Amino acid sequence: MTLAAPVSVPASRSTTTRERSVDLVRAACLLAVVGVHALMVGVSVQGGIPVLENALESWSGFTEFSWFAQMMPLFFILGGFASATHYRRVRARGVTPSAYVATRLCRLLPAPLAAAGPPCWHCLGWRSRGRVVTSSRRRGGGSANPSGSLASTFSARRSCH
């Protein structure tokens, strides 16, 4: 019986490798967050006016589900890990901390700024025409839960009872 030669395993990971498993879990968390938020969108018409509601709020298992579906903490922890490993790799190549931050900001800021631009322009347009922009309240009492966060869920539930 002949045995194969043992495979040598490096003692430490190369500085150029990327944690693909972390990327996979981050992608799964992102899909879960988008999916849960999509399930929460509810539109009804009350008195001829469209009202945005949390569609899952009427479900009796919503509180337990929201505790189970807390993907954002894991998403942010893994994002921090990925950013730290990326920072170590670029520092090894001689990139300064300020250059790293500048590069990240140039890469990450355009998307949220582009997303925030139209609503801001819209609100400024309303304000210039003398209209006041306020947050909407759900008809029939209680506050809407636009963010889907646990704190606003509990405050919304407390104000309804």
N, C-alpha and C. Protein backbone atom coordinates (compact mmCIF):
# COMPACT_ATOMS: atom_id res chain seq x y z
N MET A 1 0.83 -1.17 0.00
CA MET A 1 0.00 0.00 0.00
C MET A 1 0.88 1.24 0.00
N THR A 2 0.61 2.12 -0.96
CA THR A 2 1.40 3.34 -1.08
C THR A 2 0.58 4.53 -0.59
N LEU A 3 1.19 5.35 0.24
CA LEU A 3 0.53 6.55 0.74
C LEU A 3 0.97 7.76 -0.07
N ALA A 4 0.04 8.66 -0.29
CA ALA A 4 0.38 9.88 -1.02
C ALA A 4 1.21 10.79 -0.12
N ALA A 5 2.01 11.58 -0.76
CA ALA A 5 2.84 12.53 0.00
C ALA A 5 1.93 13.56 0.68
N PRO A 6 2.28 13.93 1.90
CA PRO A 6 1.44 14.90 2.61
C PRO A 6 1.47 16.26 1.91
N VAL A 7 0.34 16.90 1.96
CA VAL A 7 0.22 18.23 1.37
C VAL A 7 0.71 19.25 2.38
N SER A 8 1.60 20.12 1.94
CA SER A 8 2.11 21.14 2.87
C SER A 8 1.11 22.28 2.96
N VAL A 9 0.85 22.70 4.17
CA VAL A 9 -0.06 23.79 4.43
C VAL A 9 0.76 24.96 4.94
N PRO A 10 0.64 26.13 4.32
CA PRO A 10 1.42 27.27 4.79
C PRO A 10 1.03 27.64 6.22
N ALA A 11 2.02 28.09 6.99
CA ALA A 11 1.78 28.45 8.39
C ALA A 11 0.89 29.67 8.51
N SER A 12 1.03 30.61 7.60
CA SER A 12 0.17 31.80 7.66
C SER A 12 -0.38 32.08 6.28
N ARG A 13 -1.49 32.75 6.27
CA ARG A 13 -2.13 33.07 4.99
C ARG A 13 -1.35 34.16 4.29
N SER A 14 -1.40 34.14 3.00
CA SER A 14 -0.76 35.18 2.21
C SER A 14 -1.50 36.49 2.42
N THR A 15 -0.80 37.60 2.28
CA THR A 15 -1.43 38.91 2.47
C THR A 15 -2.32 39.27 1.30
N THR A 16 -2.31 38.47 0.23
CA THR A 16 -3.13 38.79 -0.93
C THR A 16 -4.42 37.98 -0.99
N THR A 17 -4.61 37.03 -0.06
CA THR A 17 -5.82 36.23 -0.10
C THR A 17 -7.01 37.01 0.45
N ARG A 18 -8.16 36.58 0.03
CA ARG A 18 -9.40 37.22 0.45
C ARG A 18 -10.28 36.16 1.07
N GLU A 19 -10.95 36.50 2.15
CA GLU A 19 -11.85 35.56 2.83
C GLU A 19 -13.16 35.45 2.05
N ARG A 20 -13.23 34.48 1.16
CA ARG A 20 -14.43 34.31 0.33
C ARG A 20 -15.64 33.91 1.18
N SER A 21 -15.41 33.18 2.26
CA SER A 21 -16.53 32.78 3.12
C SER A 21 -17.17 34.00 3.78
N VAL A 22 -16.36 34.99 4.15
CA VAL A 22 -16.89 36.22 4.73
C VAL A 22 -17.72 36.97 3.69
N ASP A 23 -17.23 37.01 2.46
CA ASP A 23 -17.98 37.65 1.38
C ASP A 23 -19.31 36.95 1.14
N LEU A 24 -19.30 35.62 1.21
CA LEU A 24 -20.53 34.85 1.00
C LEU A 24 -21.55 35.15 2.10
N VAL A 25 -21.11 35.18 3.35
CA VAL A 25 -22.04 35.47 4.45
C VAL A 25 -22.53 36.92 4.37
N ARG A 26 -21.65 37.85 3.99
CA ARG A 26 -22.08 39.24 3.82
C ARG A 26 -23.14 39.35 2.73
N ALA A 27 -22.96 38.65 1.63
CA ALA A 27 -23.95 38.68 0.55
C ALA A 27 -25.27 38.08 1.01
N ALA A 28 -25.21 36.98 1.77
CA ALA A 28 -26.43 36.36 2.29
C ALA A 28 -27.15 37.32 3.25
N CYS A 29 -26.39 38.00 4.11
CA CYS A 29 -26.99 38.97 5.03
C CYS A 29 -27.64 40.11 4.26
N LEU A 30 -26.98 40.58 3.23
CA LEU A 30 -27.53 41.67 2.43
C LEU A 30 -28.84 41.25 1.77
N LEU A 31 -28.87 40.05 1.21
CA LEU A 31 -30.11 39.56 0.59
C LEU A 31 -31.21 39.38 1.64
N ALA A 32 -30.85 38.90 2.82
CA ALA A 32 -31.85 38.73 3.88
C ALA A 32 -32.43 40.07 4.32
N VAL A 33 -31.58 41.07 4.48
CA VAL A 33 -32.05 42.40 4.90
C VAL A 33 -32.97 43.00 3.84
N VAL A 34 -32.58 42.91 2.58
CA VAL A 34 -33.42 43.44 1.51
C VAL A 34 -34.74 42.67 1.45
N GLY A 35 -34.68 41.35 1.60
CA GLY A 35 -35.88 40.54 1.57
C GLY A 35 -36.85 40.86 2.70
N VAL A 36 -36.33 40.99 3.92
CA VAL A 36 -37.20 41.31 5.06
C VAL A 36 -37.82 42.69 4.89
N HIS A 37 -37.02 43.66 4.44
CA HIS A 37 -37.58 45.00 4.24
C HIS A 37 -38.62 45.00 3.12
N ALA A 38 -38.42 44.19 2.11
CA ALA A 38 -39.42 44.11 1.03
C ALA A 38 -40.72 43.52 1.57
N LEU A 39 -40.62 42.55 2.48
CA LEU A 39 -41.82 41.97 3.08
C LEU A 39 -42.57 42.98 3.95
N MET A 40 -41.87 43.98 4.45
CA MET A 40 -42.48 44.95 5.36
C MET A 40 -43.27 46.03 4.63
N VAL A 41 -43.02 46.22 3.37
CA VAL A 41 -43.69 47.30 2.63
C VAL A 41 -45.15 46.94 2.42
N GLY A 42 -46.01 47.81 2.90
CA GLY A 42 -47.43 47.62 2.71
C GLY A 42 -48.07 48.95 2.35
N VAL A 43 -48.91 48.95 1.37
CA VAL A 43 -49.61 50.16 0.95
C VAL A 43 -51.10 49.86 1.00
N SER A 44 -51.81 50.73 1.69
CA SER A 44 -53.26 50.62 1.70
C SER A 44 -53.84 51.98 1.36
N VAL A 45 -55.10 52.02 1.03
CA VAL A 45 -55.77 53.28 0.73
C VAL A 45 -56.83 53.49 1.80
N GLN A 46 -56.70 54.58 2.51
CA GLN A 46 -57.66 54.92 3.56
C GLN A 46 -58.17 56.33 3.30
N GLY A 47 -59.45 56.45 3.05
CA GLY A 47 -60.03 57.75 2.76
C GLY A 47 -59.53 58.33 1.45
N GLY A 48 -59.19 57.46 0.51
CA GLY A 48 -58.71 57.92 -0.79
C GLY A 48 -57.25 58.33 -0.79
N ILE A 49 -56.55 58.14 0.32
CA ILE A 49 -55.14 58.54 0.43
C ILE A 49 -54.29 57.28 0.62
N PRO A 50 -53.24 57.10 -0.20
CA PRO A 50 -52.37 55.94 0.01
C PRO A 50 -51.60 56.08 1.32
N VAL A 51 -51.55 55.01 2.09
CA VAL A 51 -50.87 55.01 3.38
C VAL A 51 -49.84 53.89 3.37
N LEU A 52 -48.59 54.24 3.67
CA LEU A 52 -47.53 53.23 3.78
C LEU A 52 -47.56 52.64 5.18
N GLU A 53 -47.52 51.32 5.25
CA GLU A 53 -47.59 50.63 6.53
C GLU A 53 -46.55 49.52 6.57
N ASN A 54 -46.29 49.04 7.77
CA ASN A 54 -45.47 47.86 7.94
C ASN A 54 -46.39 46.66 7.78
N ALA A 55 -46.26 45.97 6.68
CA ALA A 55 -47.17 44.86 6.36
C ALA A 55 -47.03 43.70 7.33
N LEU A 56 -45.89 43.55 7.97
CA LEU A 56 -45.69 42.44 8.90
C LEU A 56 -46.20 42.75 10.30
N GLU A 57 -46.53 44.00 10.58
CA GLU A 57 -46.93 44.38 11.93
C GLU A 57 -48.19 43.67 12.40
N SER A 58 -49.09 43.36 11.50
CA SER A 58 -50.33 42.69 11.89
C SER A 58 -50.12 41.19 12.13
N TRP A 59 -48.98 40.67 11.75
CA TRP A 59 -48.66 39.26 11.95
C TRP A 59 -48.30 39.04 13.42
N SER A 60 -48.92 38.08 14.07
CA SER A 60 -48.69 37.85 15.50
C SER A 60 -47.26 37.41 15.80
N GLY A 61 -46.57 36.81 14.87
CA GLY A 61 -45.20 36.36 15.09
C GLY A 61 -44.14 37.36 14.68
N PHE A 62 -44.56 38.59 14.41
CA PHE A 62 -43.62 39.59 13.90
C PHE A 62 -42.49 39.90 14.89
N THR A 63 -42.81 40.04 16.18
CA THR A 63 -41.77 40.38 17.16
C THR A 63 -40.72 39.28 17.23
N GLU A 64 -41.14 38.03 17.30
CA GLU A 64 -40.18 36.92 17.35
C GLU A 64 -39.38 36.85 16.05
N PHE A 65 -40.06 37.04 14.93
CA PHE A 65 -39.38 37.03 13.64
C PHE A 65 -38.34 38.15 13.56
N SER A 66 -38.69 39.34 14.06
CA SER A 66 -37.74 40.46 13.98
C SER A 66 -36.51 40.20 14.84
N TRP A 67 -36.67 39.49 15.96
CA TRP A 67 -35.50 39.14 16.76
C TRP A 67 -34.64 38.13 16.02
N PHE A 68 -35.25 37.17 15.37
CA PHE A 68 -34.51 36.14 14.64
C PHE A 68 -33.83 36.72 13.40
N ALA A 69 -34.46 37.69 12.77
CA ALA A 69 -33.98 38.21 11.48
C ALA A 69 -33.07 39.42 11.63
N GLN A 70 -32.39 39.55 12.74
CA GLN A 70 -31.47 40.68 12.94
C GLN A 70 -30.15 40.40 12.22
N MET A 71 -30.10 40.71 10.94
CA MET A 71 -28.91 40.44 10.13
C MET A 71 -27.93 41.61 10.13
N MET A 72 -28.40 42.80 10.44
CA MET A 72 -27.54 43.98 10.32
C MET A 72 -26.31 43.92 11.24
N PRO A 73 -26.43 43.51 12.51
CA PRO A 73 -25.21 43.44 13.32
C PRO A 73 -24.15 42.52 12.71
N LEU A 74 -24.57 41.34 12.26
CA LEU A 74 -23.63 40.42 11.63
C LEU A 74 -23.05 41.03 10.36
N PHE A 75 -23.88 41.69 9.58
CA PHE A 75 -23.43 42.34 8.35
C PHE A 75 -22.35 43.38 8.65
N PHE A 76 -22.56 44.22 9.68
CA PHE A 76 -21.60 45.26 10.02
C PHE A 76 -20.32 44.68 10.62
N ILE A 77 -20.43 43.63 11.43
CA ILE A 77 -19.23 43.00 11.99
C ILE A 77 -18.38 42.41 10.87
N LEU A 78 -19.02 41.70 9.94
CA LEU A 78 -18.27 41.12 8.83
C LEU A 78 -17.71 42.20 7.91
N GLY A 79 -18.44 43.29 7.74
CA GLY A 79 -17.93 44.41 6.95
C GLY A 79 -16.70 45.02 7.59
N GLY A 80 -16.72 45.15 8.91
CA GLY A 80 -15.55 45.66 9.63
C GLY A 80 -14.35 44.74 9.49
N PHE A 81 -14.61 43.43 9.57
CA PHE A 81 -13.54 42.45 9.39
C PHE A 81 -12.95 42.56 7.99
N ALA A 82 -13.82 42.64 6.98
CA ALA A 82 -13.35 42.73 5.59
C ALA A 82 -12.55 44.02 5.38
N SER A 83 -13.03 45.11 5.96
CA SER A 83 -12.33 46.39 5.82
C SER A 83 -10.97 46.34 6.52
N ALA A 84 -10.91 45.72 7.69
CA ALA A 84 -9.63 45.62 8.43
C ALA A 84 -8.62 44.78 7.65
N THR A 85 -9.07 43.67 7.09
CA THR A 85 -8.12 42.85 6.32
C THR A 85 -7.68 43.57 5.04
N HIS A 86 -8.60 44.30 4.42
CA HIS A 86 -8.22 45.08 3.24
C HIS A 86 -7.21 46.17 3.62
N TYR A 87 -7.45 46.82 4.75
CA TYR A 87 -6.54 47.87 5.22
C TYR A 87 -5.14 47.30 5.46
N ARG A 88 -5.06 46.11 6.08
CA ARG A 88 -3.75 45.49 6.31
C ARG A 88 -3.04 45.19 4.99
N ARG A 89 -3.81 44.73 3.99
CA ARG A 89 -3.19 44.43 2.69
C ARG A 89 -2.64 45.69 2.03
N VAL A 90 -3.41 46.78 2.02
CA VAL A 90 -2.92 47.99 1.34
C VAL A 90 -1.82 48.66 2.13
N ARG A 91 -1.84 48.54 3.48
CA ARG A 91 -0.74 49.09 4.28
C ARG A 91 0.56 48.34 3.98
N ALA A 92 0.46 47.04 3.73
CA ALA A 92 1.64 46.25 3.39
C ALA A 92 2.24 46.70 2.07
N ARG A 93 1.41 47.28 1.19
CA ARG A 93 1.91 47.80 -0.09
C ARG A 93 2.38 49.24 0.02
N GLY A 94 2.30 49.83 1.22
CA GLY A 94 2.82 51.18 1.42
C GLY A 94 1.80 52.30 1.31
N VAL A 95 0.52 51.99 1.27
CA VAL A 95 -0.51 53.02 1.19
C VAL A 95 -0.66 53.67 2.56
N THR A 96 -0.72 54.99 2.60
CA THR A 96 -0.86 55.71 3.87
C THR A 96 -2.31 55.61 4.37
N PRO A 97 -2.50 55.77 5.69
CA PRO A 97 -3.87 55.72 6.22
C PRO A 97 -4.79 56.77 5.59
N SER A 98 -4.29 57.98 5.37
CA SER A 98 -5.14 59.02 4.78
C SER A 98 -5.50 58.68 3.33
N ALA A 99 -4.58 58.09 2.60
CA ALA A 99 -4.88 57.68 1.23
C ALA A 99 -5.91 56.55 1.23
N TYR A 100 -5.81 55.64 2.19
CA TYR A 100 -6.79 54.56 2.30
C TYR A 100 -8.19 55.12 2.55
N VAL A 101 -8.30 56.03 3.52
CA VAL A 101 -9.60 56.63 3.85
C VAL A 101 -10.14 57.40 2.64
N ALA A 102 -9.28 58.18 1.99
CA ALA A 102 -9.72 58.95 0.82
C ALA A 102 -10.23 58.03 -0.29
N THR A 103 -9.53 56.94 -0.53
CA THR A 103 -9.94 55.99 -1.57
C THR A 103 -11.28 55.35 -1.22
N ARG A 104 -11.45 54.96 0.06
CA ARG A 104 -12.72 54.35 0.48
C ARG A 104 -13.87 55.33 0.35
N LEU A 105 -13.65 56.59 0.76
CA LEU A 105 -14.71 57.59 0.67
C LEU A 105 -15.09 57.86 -0.79
N CYS A 106 -14.10 57.95 -1.65
CA CYS A 106 -14.39 58.18 -3.08
C CYS A 106 -15.15 57.00 -3.68
N ARG A 107 -14.91 55.81 -3.16
CA ARG A 107 -15.59 54.64 -3.69
C ARG A 107 -16.98 54.45 -3.09
N LEU A 108 -17.14 54.75 -1.80
CA LEU A 108 -18.39 54.44 -1.11
C LEU A 108 -19.40 55.58 -1.06
N LEU A 109 -18.97 56.83 -1.07
CA LEU A 109 -19.90 57.94 -0.91
C LEU A 109 -20.81 58.24 -2.10
N PRO A 110 -20.39 58.05 -3.34
CA PRO A 110 -21.28 58.42 -4.45
C PRO A 110 -22.66 57.74 -4.42
N ALA A 111 -22.75 56.48 -4.03
CA ALA A 111 -24.04 55.78 -4.04
C ALA A 111 -25.03 56.41 -3.04
N PRO A 112 -24.68 56.59 -1.76
CA PRO A 112 -25.66 57.20 -0.85
C PRO A 112 -25.96 58.66 -1.19
N LEU A 113 -24.97 59.38 -1.70
CA LEU A 113 -25.23 60.76 -2.09
C LEU A 113 -26.19 60.82 -3.27
N ALA A 114 -26.01 59.92 -4.22
CA ALA A 114 -26.92 59.88 -5.37
C ALA A 114 -28.33 59.49 -4.93
N ALA A 115 -28.42 58.58 -3.97
CA ALA A 115 -29.73 58.16 -3.48
C ALA A 115 -30.41 59.25 -2.66
N ALA A 116 -29.63 60.03 -1.93
CA ALA A 116 -30.21 61.10 -1.09
C ALA A 116 -30.52 62.35 -1.90
N GLY A 117 -29.89 62.51 -3.04
CA GLY A 117 -30.08 63.74 -3.82
C GLY A 117 -31.51 64.01 -4.24
N PRO A 118 -32.17 63.10 -4.94
CA PRO A 118 -33.55 63.38 -5.39
C PRO A 118 -34.53 63.69 -4.26
N PRO A 119 -34.54 62.93 -3.15
CA PRO A 119 -35.46 63.31 -2.07
C PRO A 119 -35.16 64.68 -1.48
N CYS A 120 -33.87 65.00 -1.36
CA CYS A 120 -33.49 66.32 -0.82
C CYS A 120 -33.96 67.44 -1.76
N TRP A 121 -33.73 67.27 -3.05
CA TRP A 121 -34.19 68.27 -4.01
C TRP A 121 -35.70 68.40 -3.99
N HIS A 122 -36.38 67.27 -3.86
CA HIS A 122 -37.84 67.26 -3.81
C HIS A 122 -38.34 68.04 -2.58
N CYS A 123 -37.74 67.77 -1.43
CA CYS A 123 -38.13 68.47 -0.19
C CYS A 123 -37.82 69.95 -0.28
N LEU A 124 -36.67 70.30 -0.86
CA LEU A 124 -36.33 71.71 -1.03
C LEU A 124 -37.32 72.40 -1.96
N GLY A 125 -37.75 71.68 -2.99
CA GLY A 125 -38.75 72.23 -3.90
C GLY A 125 -40.07 72.48 -3.19
N TRP A 126 -40.49 71.55 -2.33
CA TRP A 126 -41.72 71.74 -1.56
C TRP A 126 -41.58 72.94 -0.64
N ARG A 127 -40.44 73.02 0.01
CA ARG A 127 -40.22 74.11 0.96
C ARG A 127 -40.23 75.46 0.26
N SER A 128 -39.64 75.52 -0.94
CA SER A 128 -39.61 76.79 -1.67
C SER A 128 -41.00 77.21 -2.13
N ARG A 129 -41.93 76.25 -2.25
CA ARG A 129 -43.31 76.58 -2.63
C ARG A 129 -44.19 76.81 -1.40
N GLY A 130 -43.56 76.84 -0.21
CA GLY A 130 -44.31 77.13 1.00
C GLY A 130 -44.95 75.93 1.66
N ARG A 131 -44.65 74.74 1.18
CA ARG A 131 -45.21 73.53 1.81
C ARG A 131 -44.26 73.05 2.89
N VAL A 132 -44.82 72.47 3.93
CA VAL A 132 -44.01 71.96 5.03
C VAL A 132 -43.91 70.45 4.87
N VAL A 133 -42.69 69.95 4.97
CA VAL A 133 -42.45 68.51 4.86
C VAL A 133 -42.46 67.95 6.27
N THR A 134 -43.38 67.04 6.55
CA THR A 134 -43.46 66.42 7.87
C THR A 134 -43.46 64.92 7.73
N SER A 135 -43.22 64.26 8.83
CA SER A 135 -43.30 62.80 8.80
C SER A 135 -44.76 62.40 8.86
N SER A 136 -45.08 61.32 8.19
CA SER A 136 -46.48 60.88 8.14
C SER A 136 -46.77 59.99 9.34
N ARG A 137 -48.02 60.02 9.79
CA ARG A 137 -48.50 59.14 10.86
C ARG A 137 -49.56 58.23 10.28
N ARG A 138 -49.60 57.03 10.76
CA ARG A 138 -50.59 56.08 10.28
C ARG A 138 -51.96 56.48 10.81
N ARG A 139 -52.94 56.37 9.97
CA ARG A 139 -54.30 56.71 10.40
C ARG A 139 -54.78 55.68 11.42
N GLY A 140 -55.56 56.15 12.37
CA GLY A 140 -56.11 55.23 13.37
C GLY A 140 -55.24 55.13 14.61
N GLY A 141 -54.25 56.00 14.77
CA GLY A 141 -53.42 56.00 15.97
C GLY A 141 -52.15 55.21 15.78
N GLY A 142 -51.22 55.46 16.63
CA GLY A 142 -49.94 54.76 16.57
C GLY A 142 -49.03 55.37 15.53
N SER A 143 -47.78 55.07 15.64
CA SER A 143 -46.82 55.61 14.68
C SER A 143 -46.43 54.55 13.69
N ALA A 144 -46.13 54.98 12.50
CA ALA A 144 -45.67 54.04 11.47
C ALA A 144 -44.27 53.59 11.83
N ASN A 145 -43.83 52.51 11.26
CA ASN A 145 -42.51 51.98 11.52
C ASN A 145 -41.73 51.97 10.21
N PRO A 146 -41.30 53.16 9.72
CA PRO A 146 -40.65 53.19 8.42
C PRO A 146 -39.28 52.54 8.42
N SER A 147 -38.58 52.56 9.54
CA SER A 147 -37.22 52.03 9.53
C SER A 147 -37.18 50.54 9.73
N GLY A 148 -38.22 49.98 10.33
CA GLY A 148 -38.22 48.55 10.57
C GLY A 148 -37.34 48.15 11.74
N SER A 149 -36.82 49.11 12.50
CA SER A 149 -35.94 48.76 13.61
C SER A 149 -36.75 48.27 14.79
N LEU A 150 -36.10 47.53 15.66
CA LEU A 150 -36.78 46.97 16.81
C LEU A 150 -37.28 48.05 17.75
N ALA A 151 -36.49 49.10 17.97
CA ALA A 151 -36.91 50.17 18.88
C ALA A 151 -38.18 50.84 18.39
N SER A 152 -38.24 51.13 17.10
CA SER A 152 -39.44 51.78 16.59
C SER A 152 -40.61 50.80 16.55
N THR A 153 -40.34 49.50 16.42
CA THR A 153 -41.40 48.51 16.46
C THR A 153 -42.03 48.49 17.85
N PHE A 154 -41.18 48.47 18.89
CA PHE A 154 -41.71 48.43 20.25
C PHE A 154 -42.43 49.72 20.59
N SER A 155 -41.89 50.89 20.17
CA SER A 155 -42.57 52.14 20.47
C SER A 155 -43.90 52.21 19.73
N ALA A 156 -43.95 51.69 18.51
CA ALA A 156 -45.20 51.68 17.76
C ALA A 156 -46.21 50.76 18.44
N ARG A 157 -45.77 49.61 18.92
CA ARG A 157 -46.67 48.69 19.59
C ARG A 157 -47.17 49.27 20.90
N ARG A 158 -46.29 49.94 21.66
CA ARG A 158 -46.71 50.53 22.92
C ARG A 158 -47.76 51.60 22.71
N SER A 159 -47.60 52.41 21.66
CA SER A 159 -48.55 53.50 21.45
C SER A 159 -49.89 52.99 20.92
N CYS A 160 -49.94 51.76 20.42
CA CYS A 160 -51.20 51.22 19.91
C CYS A 160 -52.02 50.56 21.00
N HIS A 161 -51.42 50.22 22.12
CA HIS A 161 -52.14 49.46 23.17
C HIS A 161 -52.53 50.35 24.31
